[in-house]
């Protein structure tokens, strides 16, 4: 079983800081100084792919990554950079959208892949 919380952040930490949930202080006080852009990672699916000799060999993963920022251009650029990076590593971006909320800009994207648990290779799903 693959843990996206340990797999994904190292791949994109030079683009955004990744958190498992939106920090409460920013949600309650949007004017507070926070480090943006900010990425929120949410696992959506983590099923078994192929099972060989009774052992899970491939994991199917799907996750959502939301990028938040106070500036529209910086938010869009960060989301585009993340999308390019993950696609180049073997993920498929299944959806994407733009949402404006609480005076913040948000780009939401979902990605999926099939990952070999023995070698770490990522295959498009």
Protein backbone atom coordinates (compact mmCIF):
# COMPACT_ATOMS: atom_id res chain seq x y z
CA UNK A 1 0.00 0.00 0.00
CA UNK A 2 1.40 3.38 -1.03
CA UNK A 3 1.18 6.40 1.28
CA UNK A 4 0.73 9.52 -0.84
CA UNK A 5 1.64 11.69 2.16
CA UNK A 6 5.20 10.36 1.97
CA UNK A 7 5.36 9.95 -1.82
CA UNK A 8 4.09 13.27 -3.20
CA UNK A 9 5.52 16.09 -1.00
CA UNK A 10 9.20 15.39 -1.84
CA UNK A 11 8.32 15.57 -5.55
CA UNK A 12 6.92 19.10 -5.31
CA UNK A 13 8.34 20.65 -2.13
CA UNK A 14 10.44 23.09 -4.17
CA UNK A 15 7.20 24.46 -5.68
CA UNK A 16 4.79 24.55 -2.70
CA UNK A 17 4.70 23.66 0.96
CA UNK A 18 2.39 20.63 1.26
CA UNK A 19 0.04 20.12 4.21
CA UNK A 20 -2.63 17.45 4.88
CA UNK A 21 -5.24 20.10 5.73
CA UNK A 22 -5.71 23.84 5.53
CA UNK A 23 -4.22 25.61 8.57
CA UNK A 24 -6.96 26.86 10.93
CA UNK A 25 -5.36 30.25 11.50
CA UNK A 26 -5.45 31.10 7.81
CA UNK A 27 -9.03 29.83 7.42
CA UNK A 28 -10.23 31.98 10.31
CA UNK A 29 -8.02 34.98 9.56
CA UNK A 30 -7.26 35.16 5.82
CA UNK A 31 -5.28 38.39 6.29
CA UNK A 32 -2.71 36.62 8.50
CA UNK A 33 0.70 36.27 7.02
CA UNK A 34 1.07 32.71 5.79
CA UNK A 35 3.52 31.10 3.46
CA UNK A 36 1.92 30.93 0.04
CA UNK A 37 1.60 29.17 -2.29
CA UNK A 38 0.28 26.37 -0.13
CA UNK A 39 -0.64 22.86 -1.30
CA UNK A 40 -3.24 20.71 0.43
CA UNK A 41 -2.93 16.99 -0.33
CA UNK A 42 -5.99 14.73 0.03
CA UNK A 43 -5.84 11.00 -0.79
CA UNK A 44 -8.95 9.88 -2.68
CA UNK A 45 -8.25 6.22 -3.49
CA UNK A 46 -5.55 3.73 -2.59
CA UNK A 47 -6.57 0.37 -3.95
CA UNK A 48 -4.75 -2.76 -5.00
CA UNK A 49 -3.71 -3.05 -8.59
CA UNK A 50 -2.23 -6.41 -9.46
CA UNK A 51 -1.76 -9.11 -6.86
CA UNK A 52 0.98 -11.62 -7.64
CA UNK A 53 1.34 -14.84 -5.60
CA UNK A 54 -0.99 -13.45 -2.95
CA UNK A 55 1.04 -10.25 -2.53
CA UNK A 56 0.07 -6.77 -3.63
CA UNK A 57 2.52 -5.72 -6.32
CA UNK A 58 0.92 -2.62 -7.80
CA UNK A 59 -1.01 0.08 -5.97
CA UNK A 60 -3.60 2.26 -7.65
CA UNK A 61 -3.56 5.76 -6.22
CA UNK A 62 -5.70 8.82 -6.75
CA UNK A 63 -5.34 12.08 -4.86
CA UNK A 64 -6.43 15.69 -4.95
CA UNK A 65 -3.99 18.54 -4.67
CA UNK A 66 -5.30 22.05 -4.03
CA UNK A 67 -3.01 25.04 -4.45
CA UNK A 68 -3.89 28.21 -2.54
CA UNK A 69 -2.41 31.68 -2.88
CA UNK A 70 -3.28 35.31 -2.33
CA UNK A 71 -2.12 36.16 -5.87
CA UNK A 72 -3.88 34.69 -8.89
CA UNK A 73 -0.83 34.55 -11.14
CA UNK A 74 1.39 32.91 -8.54
CA UNK A 75 -1.35 30.36 -7.75
CA UNK A 76 -1.79 29.49 -11.43
CA UNK A 77 1.96 29.23 -12.02
CA UNK A 78 2.43 26.94 -9.02
CA UNK A 79 -0.45 24.69 -10.12
CA UNK A 80 0.94 24.50 -13.66
CA UNK A 81 4.43 23.66 -12.36
CA UNK A 82 3.02 20.90 -10.13
CA UNK A 83 0.95 19.48 -12.96
CA UNK A 84 3.97 19.41 -15.29
CA UNK A 85 6.16 17.81 -12.64
CA UNK A 86 3.70 15.06 -11.69
CA UNK A 87 2.80 14.29 -15.31
CA UNK A 88 6.50 14.02 -16.17
CA UNK A 89 6.88 11.49 -13.32
CA UNK A 90 4.07 9.27 -14.68
CA UNK A 91 0.90 10.59 -13.06
CA UNK A 92 -2.23 11.50 -15.02
CA UNK A 93 -4.10 14.68 -14.16
CA UNK A 94 -7.75 13.61 -14.20
CA UNK A 95 -9.32 16.99 -13.48
CA UNK A 96 -8.55 20.56 -12.64
CA UNK A 97 -10.46 23.70 -11.77
CA UNK A 98 -10.26 27.22 -10.44
CA UNK A 99 -12.15 28.32 -7.34
CA UNK A 100 -12.15 31.67 -5.54
CA UNK A 101 -12.79 31.40 -1.80
CA UNK A 102 -12.20 33.54 1.28
CA UNK A 103 -10.15 36.10 -0.64
CA UNK A 104 -7.80 33.33 -1.74
CA UNK A 105 -7.26 31.84 -5.17
CA UNK A 106 -7.46 28.05 -5.37
CA UNK A 107 -6.49 25.65 -8.14
CA UNK A 108 -7.74 22.13 -7.56
CA UNK A 109 -6.39 19.09 -9.42
CA UNK A 110 -6.79 15.33 -9.15
CA UNK A 111 -4.08 12.87 -10.20
CA UNK A 112 -3.89 9.10 -10.52
CA UNK A 113 -1.29 6.43 -11.22
CA UNK A 114 -0.40 2.78 -10.88
CA UNK A 115 2.74 2.34 -8.77
CA UNK A 116 4.97 -0.72 -8.56
CA UNK A 117 5.48 -1.28 -4.84
CA UNK A 118 8.78 -3.12 -5.35
CA UNK A 119 10.54 -0.78 -7.75
CA UNK A 120 8.69 2.51 -7.12
CA UNK A 121 8.05 2.95 -10.84
CA UNK A 122 4.98 5.03 -11.65
CA UNK A 123 2.74 4.07 -14.57
CA UNK A 124 -0.03 6.07 -16.16
CA UNK A 125 -3.46 4.78 -15.17
